[in-house]
Amino acid sequence: MSIGTEVTLDDDVSERVKQESRVRGTSVRDTVNNLIRVGLNNLDAKPRRTLEIRPTHMGHRPELNYDSVDSLLEYGETEQHR
């Protein structure tokens, strides 16, 4: 069952819908319906946990040049550090 409804979209939203429609090869109507379905289905989704990174002090190695990524990679790839 379809209900005809007029919706006024902001210019940026309209352009994005048209772009998605071209990429997907679907009509603007089908694209709008699919995007609304996805948005409505995500309303009930539980938010994902955020990734928490805890820094760890690993000490200072005076023999390493911390300003040179290449030298750090070279140091890490030596046989004694594998």
PDB file of N, CA and C in Angstrom:
ATOM      1  N   MET A   1       0.847  -1.183   0.000  1.00  0.00           N
ATOM      2  CA  MET A   1       0.000   0.000   0.000  1.00  0.00           C
ATOM      3  C   MET A   1       0.884   1.235   0.000  1.00  0.00           C
ATOM      4  N   SER A   2       0.632   2.124  -0.885  1.00  0.00           N
ATOM      5  CA  SER A   2       1.404   3.360  -0.974  1.00  0.00           C
ATOM      6  C   SER A   2       0.519   4.545  -0.660  1.00  0.00           C
ATOM      7  N   ILE A   3       1.101   5.509   0.018  1.00  0.00           N
ATOM      8  CA  ILE A   3       0.401   6.747   0.313  1.00  0.00           C
ATOM      9  C   ILE A   3       1.207   7.873  -0.308  1.00  0.00           C
ATOM     10  N   GLY A   4       0.562   8.699  -1.111  1.00  0.00           N
ATOM     11  CA  GLY A   4       1.255   9.834  -1.717  1.00  0.00           C
ATOM     12  C   GLY A   4       1.421  10.939  -0.690  1.00  0.00           C
ATOM     13  N   THR A   5       2.661  11.337  -0.454  1.00  0.00           N
ATOM     14  CA  THR A   5       2.959  12.389   0.508  1.00  0.00           C
ATOM     15  C   THR A   5       3.988  13.328  -0.097  1.00  0.00           C
ATOM     16  N   GLU A   6       3.764  14.609   0.039  1.00  0.00           N
ATOM     17  CA  GLU A   6       4.737  15.575  -0.455  1.00  0.00           C
ATOM     18  C   GLU A   6       5.665  15.955   0.683  1.00  0.00           C
ATOM     19  N   VAL A   7       6.956  15.865   0.422  1.00  0.00           N
ATOM     20  CA  VAL A   7       7.962  16.214   1.420  1.00  0.00           C
ATOM     21  C   VAL A   7       8.920  17.207   0.785  1.00  0.00           C
ATOM     22  N   THR A   8       9.222  18.280   1.503  1.00  0.00           N
ATOM     23  CA  THR A   8      10.188  19.258   1.018  1.00  0.00           C
ATOM     24  C   THR A   8      11.545  18.934   1.630  1.00  0.00           C
ATOM     25  N   LEU A   9      12.512  18.643   0.764  1.00  0.00           N
ATOM     26  CA  LEU A   9      13.853  18.293   1.223  1.00  0.00           C
ATOM     27  C   LEU A   9      14.770  19.505   1.130  1.00  0.00           C
ATOM     28  N   ASP A  10      15.685  19.617   2.065  1.00  0.00           N
ATOM     29  CA  ASP A  10      16.721  20.643   1.963  1.00  0.00           C
ATOM     30  C   ASP A  10      17.563  20.346   0.729  1.00  0.00           C
ATOM     31  N   ASP A  11      18.185  21.387   0.192  1.00  0.00           N
ATOM     32  CA  ASP A  11      18.963  21.228  -1.042  1.00  0.00           C
ATOM     33  C   ASP A  11      20.057  20.172  -0.913  1.00  0.00           C
ATOM     34  N   ASP A  12      20.776  20.165   0.220  1.00  0.00           N
ATOM     35  CA  ASP A  12      21.865  19.208   0.379  1.00  0.00           C
ATOM     36  C   ASP A  12      21.340  17.780   0.447  1.00  0.00           C
ATOM     37  N   VAL A  13      20.191  17.592   1.099  1.00  0.00           N
ATOM     38  CA  VAL A  13      19.590  16.261   1.206  1.00  0.00           C
ATOM     39  C   VAL A  13      19.103  15.805  -0.165  1.00  0.00           C
ATOM     40  N   SER A  14      18.474  16.707  -0.895  1.00  0.00           N
ATOM     41  CA  SER A  14      17.976  16.386  -2.230  1.00  0.00           C
ATOM     42  C   SER A  14      19.112  15.949  -3.148  1.00  0.00           C
ATOM     43  N   GLU A  15      20.227  16.673  -3.122  1.00  0.00           N
ATOM     44  CA  GLU A  15      21.375  16.312  -3.957  1.00  0.00           C
ATOM     45  C   GLU A  15      21.945  14.958  -3.559  1.00  0.00           C
ATOM     46  N   ARG A  16      22.006  14.707  -2.256  1.00  0.00           N
ATOM     47  CA  ARG A  16      22.547  13.419  -1.788  1.00  0.00           C
ATOM     48  C   ARG A  16      21.635  12.268  -2.196  1.00  0.00           C
ATOM     49  N   VAL A  17      20.323  12.467  -2.123  1.00  0.00           N
ATOM     50  CA  VAL A  17      19.369  11.435  -2.543  1.00  0.00           C
ATOM     51  C   VAL A  17      19.519  11.168  -4.038  1.00  0.00           C
ATOM     52  N   LYS A  18      19.629  12.219  -4.831  1.00  0.00           N
ATOM     53  CA  LYS A  18      19.808  12.043  -6.277  1.00  0.00           C
ATOM     54  C   LYS A  18      21.106  11.294  -6.573  1.00  0.00           C
ATOM     55  N   GLN A  19      22.160  11.640  -5.851  1.00  0.00           N
ATOM     56  CA  GLN A  19      23.450  10.969  -6.035  1.00  0.00           C
ATOM     57  C   GLN A  19      23.330   9.482  -5.690  1.00  0.00           C
ATOM     58  N   GLU A  20      22.707   9.172  -4.551  1.00  0.00           N
ATOM     59  CA  GLU A  20      22.513   7.773  -4.149  1.00  0.00           C
ATOM     60  C   GLU A  20      21.663   7.029  -5.168  1.00  0.00           C
ATOM     61  N   SER A  21      20.660   7.704  -5.693  1.00  0.00           N
ATOM     62  CA  SER A  21      19.781   7.101  -6.691  1.00  0.00           C
ATOM     63  C   SER A  21      20.570   6.710  -7.940  1.00  0.00           C
ATOM     64  N   ARG A  22      21.454   7.602  -8.389  1.00  0.00           N
ATOM     65  CA  ARG A  22      22.287   7.299  -9.561  1.00  0.00           C
ATOM     66  C   ARG A  22      23.240   6.144  -9.271  1.00  0.00           C
ATOM     67  N   VAL A  23      23.883   6.179  -8.115  1.00  0.00           N
ATOM     68  CA  VAL A  23      24.850   5.135  -7.751  1.00  0.00           C
ATOM     69  C   VAL A  23      24.169   3.774  -7.655  1.00  0.00           C
ATOM     70  N   ARG A  24      22.998   3.734  -7.035  1.00  0.00           N
ATOM     71  CA  ARG A  24      22.279   2.474  -6.834  1.00  0.00           C
ATOM     72  C   ARG A  24      21.505   2.031  -8.070  1.00  0.00           C
ATOM     73  N   GLY A  25      21.289   2.950  -8.991  1.00  0.00           N
ATOM     74  CA  GLY A  25      20.508   2.620 -10.175  1.00  0.00           C
ATOM     75  C   GLY A  25      19.036   2.421  -9.863  1.00  0.00           C
ATOM     76  N   THR A  26      18.537   3.151  -8.873  1.00  0.00           N
ATOM     77  CA  THR A  26      17.128   3.054  -8.488  1.00  0.00           C
ATOM     78  C   THR A  26      16.469   4.417  -8.660  1.00  0.00           C
ATOM     79  N   SER A  27      15.156   4.409  -8.620  1.00  0.00           N
ATOM     80  CA  SER A  27      14.433   5.675  -8.737  1.00  0.00           C
ATOM     81  C   SER A  27      14.617   6.485  -7.455  1.00  0.00           C
ATOM     82  N   VAL A  28      14.380   7.783  -7.560  1.00  0.00           N
ATOM     83  CA  VAL A  28      14.465   8.646  -6.382  1.00  0.00           C
ATOM     84  C   VAL A  28      13.470   8.172  -5.332  1.00  0.00           C
ATOM     85  N   ARG A  29      12.278   7.785  -5.763  1.00  0.00           N
ATOM     86  CA  ARG A  29      11.246   7.303  -4.834  1.00  0.00           C
ATOM     87  C   ARG A  29      11.738   6.090  -4.053  1.00  0.00           C
ATOM     88  N   ASP A  30      12.294   5.090  -4.773  1.00  0.00           N
ATOM     89  CA  ASP A  30      12.787   3.889  -4.098  1.00  0.00           C
ATOM     90  C   ASP A  30      13.973   4.210  -3.188  1.00  0.00           C
ATOM     91  N   THR A  31      14.827   5.105  -3.641  1.00  0.00           N
ATOM     92  CA  THR A  31      15.983   5.489  -2.828  1.00  0.00           C
ATOM     93  C   THR A  31      15.537   6.156  -1.537  1.00  0.00           C
ATOM     94  N   VAL A  32      14.594   7.094  -1.631  1.00  0.00           N
ATOM     95  CA  VAL A  32      14.079   7.765  -0.431  1.00  0.00           C
ATOM     96  C   VAL A  32      13.461   6.745   0.515  1.00  0.00           C
ATOM     97  N   ASN A  33      12.629   5.836  -0.005  1.00  0.00           N
ATOM     98  CA  ASN A  33      12.010   4.818   0.846  1.00  0.00           C
ATOM     99  C   ASN A  33      13.057   3.957   1.543  1.00  0.00           C
ATOM    100  N   ASN A  34      14.082   3.521   0.804  1.00  0.00           N
ATOM    101  CA  ASN A  34      15.119   2.682   1.403  1.00  0.00           C
ATOM    102  C   ASN A  34      15.911   3.431   2.467  1.00  0.00           C
ATOM    103  N   LEU A  35      16.250   4.678   2.191  1.00  0.00           N
ATOM    104  CA  LEU A  35      16.999   5.465   3.170  1.00  0.00           C
ATOM    105  C   LEU A  35      16.179   5.716   4.433  1.00  0.00           C
ATOM    106  N   ILE A  36      14.893   5.974   4.275  1.00  0.00           N
ATOM    107  CA  ILE A  36      14.030   6.170   5.446  1.00  0.00           C
ATOM    108  C   ILE A  36      13.919   4.873   6.239  1.00  0.00           C
ATOM    109  N   ARG A  37      13.773   3.727   5.552  1.00  0.00           N
ATOM    110  CA  ARG A  37      13.715   2.434   6.250  1.00  0.00           C
ATOM    111  C   ARG A  37      14.976   2.195   7.078  1.00  0.00           C
ATOM    112  N   VAL A  38      16.120   2.440   6.459  1.00  0.00           N
ATOM    113  CA  VAL A  38      17.391   2.240   7.170  1.00  0.00           C
ATOM    114  C   VAL A  38      17.453   3.142   8.397  1.00  0.00           C
ATOM    115  N   GLY A  39      17.089   4.398   8.234  1.00  0.00           N
ATOM    116  CA  GLY A  39      17.105   5.334   9.355  1.00  0.00           C
ATOM    117  C   GLY A  39      16.155   4.925  10.465  1.00  0.00           C
ATOM    118  N   LEU A  40      14.945   4.502  10.109  1.00  0.00           N
ATOM    119  CA  LEU A  40      13.974   4.084  11.119  1.00  0.00           C
ATOM    120  C   LEU A  40      14.421   2.814  11.827  1.00  0.00           C
ATOM    121  N   ASN A  41      15.012   1.879  11.094  1.00  0.00           N
ATOM    122  CA  ASN A  41      15.496   0.646  11.720  1.00  0.00           C
ATOM    123  C   ASN A  41      16.644   0.922  12.680  1.00  0.00           C
ATOM    124  N   ASN A  42      17.442   1.932  12.397  1.00  0.00           N
ATOM    125  CA  ASN A  42      18.569   2.256  13.265  1.00  0.00           C
ATOM    126  C   ASN A  42      18.163   3.027  14.511  1.00  0.00           C
ATOM    127  N   LEU A  43      16.934   3.523  14.551  1.00  0.00           N
ATOM    128  CA  LEU A  43      16.472   4.215  15.750  1.00  0.00           C
ATOM    129  C   LEU A  43      16.459   3.283  16.952  1.00  0.00           C
ATOM    130  N   ASP A  44      16.145   2.016  16.716  1.00  0.00           N
ATOM    131  CA  ASP A  44      16.054   1.050  17.802  1.00  0.00           C
ATOM    132  C   ASP A  44      17.374   0.338  18.081  1.00  0.00           C
ATOM    133  N   ALA A  45      18.359   0.561  17.248  1.00  0.00           N
ATOM    134  CA  ALA A  45      19.643  -0.127  17.420  1.00  0.00           C
ATOM    135  C   ALA A  45      20.361   0.408  18.654  1.00  0.00           C
ATOM    136  N   LYS A  46      20.999  -0.511  19.359  1.00  0.00           N
ATOM    137  CA  LYS A  46      21.783  -0.104  20.520  1.00  0.00           C
ATOM    138  C   LYS A  46      23.054   0.585  20.030  1.00  0.00           C
ATOM    139  N   PRO A  47      23.425   1.663  20.690  1.00  0.00           N
ATOM    140  CA  PRO A  47      24.658   2.328  20.274  1.00  0.00           C
ATOM    141  C   PRO A  47      25.862   1.427  20.532  1.00  0.00           C
ATOM    142  N   ARG A  48      26.809   1.468  19.607  1.00  0.00           N
ATOM    143  CA  ARG A  48      28.004   0.655  19.786  1.00  0.00           C
ATOM    144  C   ARG A  48      28.869   1.246  20.892  1.00  0.00           C
ATOM    145  N   ARG A  49      29.559   0.357  21.576  1.00  0.00           N
ATOM    146  CA  ARG A  49      30.482   0.829  22.601  1.00  0.00           C
ATOM    147  C   ARG A  49      31.602   1.613  21.931  1.00  0.00           C
ATOM    148  N   THR A  50      32.031   2.635  22.595  1.00  0.00           N
ATOM    149  CA  THR A  50      33.145   3.400  22.055  1.00  0.00           C
ATOM    150  C   THR A  50      34.446   2.687  22.395  1.00  0.00           C
ATOM    151  N   LEU A  51      35.390   2.825  21.524  1.00  0.00           N
ATOM    152  CA  LEU A  51      36.691   2.220  21.732  1.00  0.00           C
ATOM    153  C   LEU A  51      37.477   3.081  22.703  1.00  0.00           C
ATOM    154  N   GLU A  52      37.952   2.459  23.762  1.00  0.00           N
ATOM    155  CA  GLU A  52      38.744   3.184  24.745  1.00  0.00           C
ATOM    156  C   GLU A  52      40.169   2.666  24.689  1.00  0.00           C
ATOM    157  N   ILE A  53      41.095   3.561  24.457  1.00  0.00           N
ATOM    158  CA  ILE A  53      42.505   3.195  24.405  1.00  0.00           C
ATOM    159  C   ILE A  53      43.185   3.800  25.618  1.00  0.00           C
ATOM    160  N   ARG A  54      43.810   2.935  26.399  1.00  0.00           N
ATOM    161  CA  ARG A  54      44.512   3.398  27.588  1.00  0.00           C
ATOM    162  C   ARG A  54      46.008   3.443  27.292  1.00  0.00           C
ATOM    163  N   PRO A  55      46.612   4.591  27.455  1.00  0.00           N
ATOM    164  CA  PRO A  55      48.041   4.687  27.186  1.00  0.00           C
ATOM    165  C   PRO A  55      48.852   3.912  28.218  1.00  0.00           C
ATOM    166  N   THR A  56      49.954   3.366  27.774  1.00  0.00           N
ATOM    167  CA  THR A  56      50.851   2.625  28.656  1.00  0.00           C
ATOM    168  C   THR A  56      52.243   3.206  28.503  1.00  0.00           C
ATOM    169  N   HIS A  57      52.843   3.574  29.612  1.00  0.00           N
ATOM    170  CA  HIS A  57      54.200   4.100  29.558  1.00  0.00           C
ATOM    171  C   HIS A  57      55.151   2.930  29.342  1.00  0.00           C
ATOM    172  N   MET A  58      55.903   2.985  28.275  1.00  0.00           N
ATOM    173  CA  MET A  58      56.798   1.883  27.936  1.00  0.00           C
ATOM    174  C   MET A  58      58.263   2.259  28.130  1.00  0.00           C
ATOM    175  N   GLY A  59      58.496   3.389  28.737  1.00  0.00           N
ATOM    176  CA  GLY A  59      59.866   3.804  28.999  1.00  0.00           C
ATOM    177  C   GLY A  59      60.500   4.485  27.805  1.00  0.00           C
ATOM    178  N   HIS A  60      61.650   5.063  28.043  1.00  0.00           N
ATOM    179  CA  HIS A  60      62.387   5.775  26.991  1.00  0.00           C
ATOM    180  C   HIS A  60      63.636   4.982  26.655  1.00  0.00           C
ATOM    181  N   ARG A  61      63.866   4.748  25.388  1.00  0.00           N
ATOM    182  CA  ARG A  61      65.063   4.038  24.926  1.00  0.00           C
ATOM    183  C   ARG A  61      65.965   5.067  24.267  1.00  0.00           C
ATOM    184  N   PRO A  62      67.034   5.484  24.928  1.00  0.00           N
ATOM    185  CA  PRO A  62      67.876   6.554  24.386  1.00  0.00           C
ATOM    186  C   PRO A  62      68.525   6.213  23.047  1.00  0.00           C
ATOM    187  N   GLU A  63      68.663   4.927  22.721  1.00  0.00           N
ATOM    188  CA  GLU A  63      69.295   4.551  21.450  1.00  0.00           C
ATOM    189  C   GLU A  63      68.361   4.716  20.251  1.00  0.00           C
ATOM    190  N   LEU A  64      67.087   4.987  20.506  1.00  0.00           N
ATOM    191  CA  LEU A  64      66.124   5.133  19.415  1.00  0.00           C
ATOM    192  C   LEU A  64      65.884   6.599  19.086  1.00  0.00           C
ATOM    193  N   ASN A  65      65.708   6.869  17.801  1.00  0.00           N
ATOM    194  CA  ASN A  65      65.371   8.210  17.339  1.00  0.00           C
ATOM    195  C   ASN A  65      63.855   8.258  17.138  1.00  0.00           C
ATOM    196  N   TYR A  66      63.145   8.836  18.078  1.00  0.00           N
ATOM    197  CA  TYR A  66      61.683   8.864  18.038  1.00  0.00           C
ATOM    198  C   TYR A  66      61.132   9.852  17.007  1.00  0.00           C
ATOM    199  N   ASP A  67      61.999  10.650  16.418  1.00  0.00           N
ATOM    200  CA  ASP A  67      61.572  11.595  15.388  1.00  0.00           C
ATOM    201  C   ASP A  67      61.600  10.976  13.996  1.00  0.00           C
ATOM    202  N   SER A  68      62.111   9.754  13.884  1.00  0.00           N
ATOM    203  CA  SER A  68      62.241   9.109  12.581  1.00  0.00           C
ATOM    204  C   SER A  68      61.468   7.792  12.563  1.00  0.00           C
ATOM    205  N   VAL A  69      60.343   7.791  11.872  1.00  0.00           N
ATOM    206  CA  VAL A  69      59.532   6.577  11.766  1.00  0.00           C
ATOM    207  C   VAL A  69      60.318   5.475  11.077  1.00  0.00           C
ATOM    208  N   ASP A  70      61.082   5.841  10.052  1.00  0.00           N
ATOM    209  CA  ASP A  70      61.871   4.841   9.320  1.00  0.00           C
ATOM    210  C   ASP A  70      62.849   4.117  10.233  1.00  0.00           C
ATOM    211  N   SER A  71      63.542   4.866  11.086  1.00  0.00           N
ATOM    212  CA  SER A  71      64.511   4.211  11.968  1.00  0.00           C
ATOM    213  C   SER A  71      63.807   3.347  13.012  1.00  0.00           C
ATOM    214  N   LEU A  72      62.645   3.757  13.472  1.00  0.00           N
ATOM    215  CA  LEU A  72      61.891   2.937  14.426  1.00  0.00           C
ATOM    216  C   LEU A  72      61.417   1.648  13.771  1.00  0.00           C
ATOM    217  N   LEU A  73      60.935   1.740  12.533  1.00  0.00           N
ATOM    218  CA  LEU A  73      60.508   0.535  11.818  1.00  0.00           C
ATOM    219  C   LEU A  73      61.689  -0.387  11.561  1.00  0.00           C
ATOM    220  N   GLU A  74      62.808   0.193  11.175  1.00  0.00           N
ATOM    221  CA  GLU A  74      64.007  -0.606  10.921  1.00  0.00           C
ATOM    222  C   GLU A  74      64.449  -1.321  12.199  1.00  0.00           C
ATOM    223  N   TYR A  75      64.422  -0.612  13.310  1.00  0.00           N
ATOM    224  CA  TYR A  75      64.790  -1.203  14.600  1.00  0.00           C
ATOM    225  C   TYR A  75      63.840  -2.346  14.963  1.00  0.00           C
ATOM    226  N   GLY A  76      62.544  -2.137  14.746  1.00  0.00           N
ATOM    227  CA  GLY A  76      61.552  -3.158  15.085  1.00  0.00           C
ATOM    228  C   GLY A  76      61.613  -4.382  14.199  1.00  0.00           C
ATOM    229  N   GLU A  77      62.187  -4.247  13.012  1.00  0.00           N
ATOM    230  CA  GLU A  77      62.245  -5.369  12.076  1.00  0.00           C
ATOM    231  C   GLU A  77      63.540  -6.165  12.164  1.00  0.00           C
ATOM    232  N   THR A  78      64.438  -5.785  13.047  1.00  0.00           N
ATOM    233  CA  THR A  78      65.675  -6.552  13.195  1.00  0.00           C
ATOM    234  C   THR A  78      65.368  -7.889  13.856  1.00  0.00           C
ATOM    235  N   GLU A  79      66.214  -8.870  13.626  1.00  0.00           N
ATOM    236  CA  GLU A  79      65.992 -10.235  14.130  1.00  0.00           C
ATOM    237  C   GLU A  79      65.832 -10.278  15.644  1.00  0.00           C
ATOM    238  N   GLN A  80      66.601  -9.486  16.362  1.00  0.00           N
ATOM    239  CA  GLN A  80      66.551  -9.552  17.818  1.00  0.00           C
ATOM    240  C   GLN A  80      65.252  -8.994  18.405  1.00  0.00           C
ATOM    241  N   HIS A  81      64.455  -8.301  17.606  1.00  0.00           N
ATOM    242  CA  HIS A  81      63.219  -7.699  18.118  1.00  0.00           C
ATOM    243  C   HIS A  81      61.958  -8.318  17.543  1.00  0.00           C
ATOM    244  N   ARG A  82      62.095  -9.448  16.879  1.00  0.00           N
ATOM    245  CA  ARG A  82      60.908 -10.107  16.317  1.00  0.00           C
ATOM    246  C   ARG A  82      60.301 -11.044  17.307  1.00  0.00           C
TER     247      ARG A  82
END
